[in-house]
Amino acid sequence: MNTTEGQTQQAQLISTIYQFYRDNFWLFWRIMLPIIFLSFLFDVAMLYSVFHNVTNTLWTVSTSSGFSVTRYFQTGTGLKITTTFSTFIYIFLCFVMFPLVFAVFQIHRGTNVTSRSVWDQTFRRIRSILMAFLLLLVRGAIVLVPLLLGLLAVMSSPGVAVVFVLILVCIIVYFAVRWSLCYQGIIIEGLSASAAFRRSSELVRGKWWWFFRRYFFLLWASGVLIGLIFAITFLLLSTANPEFVPIREALLSEQFFTIFYGIDIQFELNGTELAFGTVSATLDGFPSFWAIGVIVVLNTFIHAALTPVWSILTTHLYLQRTDGSDLATE
């Protein structure tokens, strides 16, 4: 495939996703609304707990994840725990992918779709869905835990540690692409969790790079969009909250252009934090509850808005690999 043809297909794919999202915008958001509400409840409860019960904290904001809280334990061991407050929204939105995928498929078939009908189908498949999450955790532990232990063992050697990190990233990306159609296997074909993973592997086999290019472009574009939205938000917050001045100074420097890397990579090596694709800064003091609340709300809505895009893309590719059709021919 030449470059011009590839660019034309990419443009057609973007147009298809945009038109499908636009035509079914309110349906997608009605489907996601219960999950968004649950995510708010969990995040607000955690945020309230941190503000009133946790001491020795360090607050960091970044254009990729919103903010994180690091708690240092005064035990002389240097132990610390970092919470990003994005965990719940990621888990919930991974779950809401199932009804969204079913909605996209039914719309493609010309079937009348309601939020209730897709949730009914989702709950009928709840056992396979939960087993899929469990199976993913088990397989991830089997593959990644030995590598993580190896990484900890070679942290004193920066070169070897970087190689371990690259291997870890490559493994995660490989299986993320290979199993990306398991949603369709469970919710559309009615397969068990293990059968859905095998089905996804069969559909991706021989076309891994074809899938990867499309996923990578969406991931990059999403990263840039999220980074720019948070950058504008932090600049506005800094006008009313002095503790946000460090992130404003970082954004007004050459660091701002790292947002356009799109892919956020952060890790700590020998006490030195390395970050690409994001602008971050430690806040001066304890932030106000309302300012952090704004970031939580924004973070939730941004990721919720992007979730239907992933469901449309993966179902579009699923249709191309199964019956040769796509969402453009609905």
Protein backbone atom coordinates (compact mmCIF):
# COMPACT_ATOMS: atom_id res chain seq x y z
CA MET A 1 0.00 0.00 0.00
CA ASN A 2 1.48 3.39 -1.00
CA THR A 3 1.49 6.43 1.25
CA THR A 4 -1.27 8.27 -0.61
CA GLU A 5 -3.63 5.31 -0.42
CA GLY A 6 -2.90 4.87 3.27
CA GLN A 7 -3.63 8.55 3.97
CA THR A 8 -6.88 8.31 2.02
CA GLN A 9 -8.02 5.29 4.05
CA GLN A 10 -7.07 7.07 7.28
CA ALA A 11 -9.11 10.13 6.28
CA GLN A 12 -12.09 7.92 5.38
CA LEU A 13 -11.84 6.14 8.72
CA ILE A 14 -11.80 9.45 10.63
CA SER A 15 -14.81 10.65 8.64
CA THR A 16 -16.72 7.42 9.34
CA ILE A 17 -16.04 7.60 13.10
CA TYR A 18 -17.00 11.29 13.24
CA GLN A 19 -20.28 10.82 11.34
CA PHE A 20 -21.28 7.74 13.34
CA TYR A 21 -20.53 9.47 16.64
CA ARG A 22 -22.38 12.64 15.59
CA ASP A 23 -25.48 10.73 14.46
CA ASN A 24 -25.70 8.70 17.69
CA PHE A 25 -24.21 11.14 20.18
CA TRP A 26 -27.10 11.29 22.65
CA LEU A 27 -27.66 7.53 22.59
CA PHE A 28 -24.01 6.90 23.51
CA TRP A 29 -24.16 9.36 26.40
CA ARG A 30 -27.42 7.92 27.73
CA ILE A 31 -25.72 4.52 27.77
CA MET A 32 -22.69 5.87 29.62
CA LEU A 33 -24.57 8.07 32.10
CA PRO A 34 -24.96 5.44 34.90
CA ILE A 35 -21.27 4.56 34.69
CA ILE A 36 -20.21 8.20 34.71
CA PHE A 37 -22.36 8.75 37.82
CA LEU A 38 -20.76 5.76 39.60
CA SER A 39 -17.30 7.01 38.70
CA PHE A 40 -18.12 10.42 40.20
CA LEU A 41 -19.28 8.79 43.42
CA PHE A 42 -16.07 6.78 43.81
CA ASP A 43 -13.80 9.69 42.92
CA VAL A 44 -15.56 12.16 45.20
CA ALA A 45 -15.49 9.67 48.08
CA MET A 46 -11.75 9.07 47.59
CA LEU A 47 -11.05 12.78 47.20
CA TYR A 48 -12.96 13.61 50.39
CA SER A 49 -11.04 10.89 52.24
CA VAL A 50 -7.68 12.22 51.05
CA PHE A 51 -8.52 15.81 51.97
CA HIS A 52 -9.67 14.97 55.49
CA ASN A 53 -7.77 11.85 56.54
CA VAL A 54 -4.42 11.68 54.73
CA THR A 55 -1.33 13.62 55.78
CA ASN A 56 2.19 14.00 54.37
CA THR A 57 0.92 14.37 50.80
CA LEU A 58 2.47 15.81 47.68
CA TRP A 59 0.09 17.01 44.96
CA THR A 60 1.21 16.85 41.32
CA VAL A 61 -0.76 17.98 38.27
CA SER A 62 -0.02 16.88 34.71
CA THR A 63 -1.52 17.40 31.28
CA SER A 64 -1.90 13.65 30.74
CA SER A 65 -3.66 12.40 33.89
CA GLY A 66 -5.00 15.52 35.60
CA PHE A 67 -3.48 15.17 39.04
CA SER A 68 -2.01 12.65 41.44
CA VAL A 69 -1.45 12.50 45.17
CA THR A 70 1.69 10.96 46.65
CA ARG A 71 1.69 10.01 50.32
CA TYR A 72 5.04 9.59 52.06
CA PHE A 73 5.25 7.27 55.05
CA GLN A 74 7.57 8.40 57.84
CA THR A 75 9.08 5.00 58.49
CA GLY A 76 12.60 5.65 57.31
CA THR A 77 12.12 3.30 54.35
CA GLY A 78 11.21 5.91 51.75
CA LEU A 79 7.91 4.11 51.11
CA LYS A 80 5.34 6.12 49.18
CA ILE A 81 2.02 5.49 47.46
CA THR A 82 0.79 7.50 44.48
CA THR A 83 -2.88 7.72 43.52
CA THR A 84 -3.86 9.21 40.16
CA PHE A 85 -7.65 9.26 40.68
CA SER A 86 -8.07 7.88 37.14
CA THR A 87 -8.30 4.21 38.11
CA PHE A 88 -12.04 4.09 38.63
CA ILE A 89 -12.91 5.93 35.42
CA TYR A 90 -10.64 3.60 33.41
CA ILE A 91 -12.22 0.48 34.93
CA PHE A 92 -15.77 1.76 34.52
CA LEU A 93 -15.24 2.90 30.94
CA CYS A 94 -13.66 -0.43 30.01
CA PHE A 95 -16.89 -2.00 31.26
CA VAL A 96 -19.13 0.46 29.37
CA MET A 97 -17.34 -0.51 26.15
CA PHE A 98 -19.49 -3.65 26.07
CA PRO A 99 -22.91 -1.95 25.75
CA LEU A 100 -21.42 0.68 23.43
CA VAL A 101 -20.00 -1.99 21.11
CA PHE A 102 -23.37 -3.77 21.05
CA ALA A 103 -25.13 -0.47 20.28
CA VAL A 104 -22.75 0.27 17.40
CA PHE A 105 -23.27 -3.22 15.96
CA GLN A 106 -27.06 -3.04 16.25
CA ILE A 107 -27.17 0.41 14.64
CA HIS A 108 -25.07 -0.96 11.78
CA ARG A 109 -27.63 -3.74 11.29
CA GLY A 110 -30.47 -1.20 11.19
CA THR A 111 -32.00 -2.37 14.49
CA ASN A 112 -33.82 0.05 16.76
CA VAL A 113 -31.52 0.61 19.73
CA THR A 114 -32.26 1.98 23.19
CA SER A 115 -29.98 2.37 26.20
CA ARG A 116 -32.14 -0.13 28.08
CA SER A 117 -31.87 -2.80 25.37
CA VAL A 118 -28.07 -2.65 25.21
CA TRP A 119 -27.76 -2.76 29.00
CA ASP A 120 -30.11 -5.77 29.09
CA GLN A 121 -27.81 -7.55 26.63
CA THR A 122 -24.76 -6.53 28.66
CA PHE A 123 -26.15 -7.94 31.90
CA ARG A 124 -27.06 -11.18 30.12
CA ARG A 125 -23.36 -11.50 29.29
CA ILE A 126 -22.15 -10.29 32.70
CA ARG A 127 -20.58 -13.63 33.67
CA SER A 128 -18.38 -13.70 30.56
CA ILE A 129 -17.52 -10.03 31.02
CA LEU A 130 -16.37 -10.51 34.61
CA MET A 131 -14.45 -13.65 33.63
CA ALA A 132 -12.73 -11.68 30.88
CA PHE A 133 -11.48 -9.10 33.41
CA LEU A 134 -10.35 -11.89 35.75
CA LEU A 135 -8.62 -13.78 32.94
CA LEU A 136 -6.88 -10.59 31.84
CA LEU A 137 -5.58 -10.03 35.38
CA VAL A 138 -4.31 -13.60 35.66
CA ARG A 139 -2.60 -13.58 32.27
CA GLY A 140 -1.13 -10.15 32.96
CA ALA A 141 0.27 -11.34 36.29
CA ILE A 142 1.82 -14.44 34.72
CA VAL A 143 3.58 -12.43 32.02
CA LEU A 144 4.33 -9.12 33.72
CA VAL A 145 5.19 -10.01 37.32
CA PRO A 146 8.45 -11.85 36.41
CA LEU A 147 9.47 -8.88 34.25
CA LEU A 148 8.68 -6.40 37.03
CA LEU A 149 10.71 -8.44 39.50
CA GLY A 150 13.56 -8.52 37.00
CA LEU A 151 13.28 -4.75 36.58
CA LEU A 152 13.54 -4.21 40.33
CA ALA A 153 16.63 -6.43 40.39
CA VAL A 154 18.48 -4.38 37.76
CA MET A 155 17.43 -0.87 38.83
CA SER A 156 21.05 -0.13 39.77
CA SER A 157 22.03 -0.52 36.10
CA PRO A 158 20.22 2.22 34.12
CA GLY A 159 20.94 0.72 30.69
CA VAL A 160 19.56 -2.72 31.58
CA ALA A 161 16.59 -1.13 33.36
CA VAL A 162 15.65 0.85 30.25
CA VAL A 163 15.78 -2.37 28.18
CA PHE A 164 13.45 -4.07 30.67
CA VAL A 165 11.03 -1.13 30.48
CA LEU A 166 11.02 -1.26 26.67
CA ILE A 167 10.37 -5.02 26.71
CA LEU A 168 7.53 -4.47 29.19
CA VAL A 169 5.93 -1.79 27.01
CA CYS A 170 6.26 -3.93 23.86
CA ILE A 171 4.57 -6.90 25.55
CA ILE A 172 1.69 -4.76 26.81
CA VAL A 173 1.16 -3.16 23.39
CA TYR A 174 1.35 -6.51 21.57
CA PHE A 175 -1.34 -8.16 23.67
CA ALA A 176 -3.48 -5.00 23.84
CA VAL A 177 -3.74 -5.06 20.04
CA ARG A 178 -4.08 -8.83 19.81
CA TRP A 179 -7.00 -8.93 22.28
CA SER A 180 -8.63 -5.65 21.23
CA LEU A 181 -11.65 -7.38 19.64
CA CYS A 182 -12.59 -9.49 22.67
CA TYR A 183 -15.42 -7.04 23.39
CA GLN A 184 -17.07 -7.99 20.11
CA GLY A 185 -16.50 -11.69 20.73
CA ILE A 186 -18.34 -11.55 24.06
CA ILE A 187 -21.16 -9.10 23.40
CA ILE A 188 -21.85 -9.78 19.70
CA GLU A 189 -20.92 -13.43 19.15
CA GLY A 190 -21.87 -14.57 22.66
CA LEU A 191 -18.54 -16.29 23.33
CA SER A 192 -17.04 -17.18 26.68
CA ALA A 193 -14.16 -15.08 27.97
CA SER A 194 -11.39 -17.47 26.90
CA ALA A 195 -13.06 -18.10 23.52
CA ALA A 196 -13.39 -14.33 22.97
CA PHE A 197 -9.65 -13.83 23.51
CA ARG A 198 -8.92 -16.65 21.03
CA ARG A 199 -11.40 -15.18 18.54
CA SER A 200 -9.79 -11.76 18.80
CA SER A 201 -6.35 -13.30 18.23
CA GLU A 202 -7.66 -15.06 15.11
CA LEU A 203 -9.10 -11.84 13.67
CA VAL A 204 -5.93 -9.84 14.36
CA ARG A 205 -3.54 -12.57 13.15
CA GLY A 206 -1.70 -11.48 10.02
CA LYS A 207 -3.01 -7.92 10.39
CA TRP A 208 -1.35 -6.85 13.65
CA TRP A 209 0.42 -3.85 12.16
CA TRP A 210 -2.74 -2.87 10.28
CA PHE A 211 -4.60 -2.71 13.61
CA PHE A 212 -1.69 -1.12 15.43
CA ARG A 213 -1.43 1.84 13.00
CA ARG A 214 -5.08 2.71 13.48
CA TYR A 215 -4.98 2.37 17.25
CA PHE A 216 -1.74 4.32 17.50
CA PHE A 217 -3.12 7.26 15.53
CA LEU A 218 -6.21 7.46 17.76
CA LEU A 219 -4.09 7.09 20.89
CA TRP A 220 -1.75 9.87 19.75
CA ALA A 221 -4.59 12.21 18.76
CA SER A 222 -6.38 11.54 22.06
CA GLY A 223 -3.19 12.23 24.01
CA VAL A 224 -2.65 15.57 22.28
CA LEU A 225 -6.30 16.59 22.75
CA ILE A 226 -6.30 15.65 26.46
CA GLY A 227 -3.00 17.48 26.98
CA LEU A 228 -4.23 20.69 25.36
CA ILE A 229 -7.52 20.67 27.30
CA PHE A 230 -5.71 20.21 30.62
CA ALA A 231 -3.12 22.84 29.68
CA ILE A 232 -5.86 25.44 29.12
CA THR A 233 -7.60 24.37 32.35
CA PHE A 234 -4.43 24.69 34.44
CA LEU A 235 -3.69 28.13 33.01
CA LEU A 236 -7.19 29.29 33.95
CA LEU A 237 -6.98 27.75 37.43
CA SER A 238 -3.62 29.44 38.05
CA THR A 239 -5.26 32.86 37.78
CA ALA A 240 -7.36 32.16 40.90
CA ASN A 241 -5.19 29.59 42.71
CA PRO A 242 -1.57 30.56 43.49
CA GLU A 243 -0.65 26.91 44.15
CA PHE A 244 -1.03 26.26 40.39
CA VAL A 245 1.72 28.76 39.48
CA PRO A 246 4.39 26.01 38.99
CA ILE A 247 2.35 24.26 36.28
CA ARG A 248 1.65 27.61 34.62
CA GLU A 249 5.37 28.36 34.48
CA ALA A 250 6.04 24.92 33.01
CA LEU A 251 3.32 25.37 30.38
CA LEU A 252 4.66 28.78 29.38
CA SER A 253 8.11 27.29 28.78
CA GLU A 254 9.40 25.04 26.00
CA GLN A 255 7.99 22.06 27.94
CA PHE A 256 4.59 22.89 26.46
CA PHE A 257 5.57 21.38 23.10
CA THR A 258 6.12 17.94 24.66
CA ILE A 259 2.31 17.64 24.74
CA PHE A 260 2.43 17.03 21.00
CA TYR A 261 4.33 13.79 21.54
CA GLY A 262 0.85 12.51 22.38
CA ILE A 263 1.98 9.30 24.07
CA ASP A 264 2.58 9.77 27.78
CA ILE A 265 5.48 7.77 29.22
CA GLN A 266 6.58 8.29 32.82
CA PHE A 267 8.88 6.25 35.04
CA GLU A 268 11.37 6.78 37.81
CA LEU A 269 14.96 5.55 37.53
CA ASN A 270 17.47 5.84 40.39
CA GLY A 271 15.45 8.62 41.98
CA THR A 272 15.17 10.56 38.72
CA GLU A 273 11.71 10.88 37.17
CA LEU A 274 11.66 10.64 33.38
CA ALA A 275 8.57 11.87 31.51
CA PHE A 276 7.67 12.23 27.83
CA GLY A 277 4.47 13.52 26.26
CA THR A 278 3.27 15.39 29.34
CA VAL A 279 3.89 18.57 31.31
CA SER A 280 3.77 18.13 35.07
CA ALA A 281 4.58 20.12 38.19
CA THR A 282 4.32 19.77 41.96
CA LEU A 283 1.86 22.24 43.45
CA ASP A 284 2.92 24.86 45.96
CA GLY A 285 0.99 23.80 49.01
CA PHE A 286 -2.37 22.12 49.50
CA PRO A 287 -4.83 22.76 46.62
CA SER A 288 -8.42 23.85 47.20
CA PHE A 289 -11.10 21.17 47.07
CA TRP A 290 -13.06 22.95 44.32
CA ALA A 291 -10.00 23.25 42.04
CA ILE A 292 -9.24 19.53 42.31
CA GLY A 293 -12.96 18.85 41.87
CA VAL A 294 -12.87 20.71 38.54
CA ILE A 295 -9.98 18.50 37.38
CA VAL A 296 -11.82 15.31 38.45
CA VAL A 297 -14.97 16.34 36.56
CA LEU A 298 -13.00 17.32 33.48
CA ASN A 299 -10.93 14.12 33.52
CA THR A 300 -14.08 12.00 33.73
CA PHE A 301 -15.88 13.77 30.90
CA ILE A 302 -12.85 13.76 28.60
CA HIS A 303 -12.35 10.00 28.90
CA ALA A 304 -16.10 9.38 28.69
CA ALA A 305 -16.26 11.40 25.46
CA LEU A 306 -13.45 9.34 23.93
CA THR A 307 -14.86 5.91 24.88
CA PRO A 308 -17.50 5.78 22.09
CA VAL A 309 -14.73 6.57 19.61
CA TRP A 310 -12.88 3.40 20.65
CA SER A 311 -16.07 1.34 20.49
CA ILE A 312 -16.83 2.65 16.99
CA LEU A 313 -13.27 2.03 15.77
CA THR A 314 -12.94 -1.51 17.12
CA THR A 315 -16.39 -2.52 15.83
CA HIS A 316 -15.60 -0.98 12.44
CA LEU A 317 -12.41 -3.07 12.22
CA TYR A 318 -14.25 -6.14 13.52
CA LEU A 319 -16.82 -5.86 10.73
CA GLN A 320 -14.09 -5.48 8.13
CA ARG A 321 -12.40 -8.65 9.36
CA THR A 322 -15.57 -10.77 9.68
CA ASP A 323 -17.97 -10.00 6.83
CA GLY A 324 -16.06 -7.45 4.80
CA SER A 325 -18.47 -4.60 5.60
CA ASP A 326 -17.86 -1.51 7.70
CA LEU A 327 -19.80 1.26 9.42
CA ALA A 328 -19.57 3.44 6.33
CA THR A 329 -21.90 1.01 4.54
CA GLU A 330 -24.61 0.98 7.19
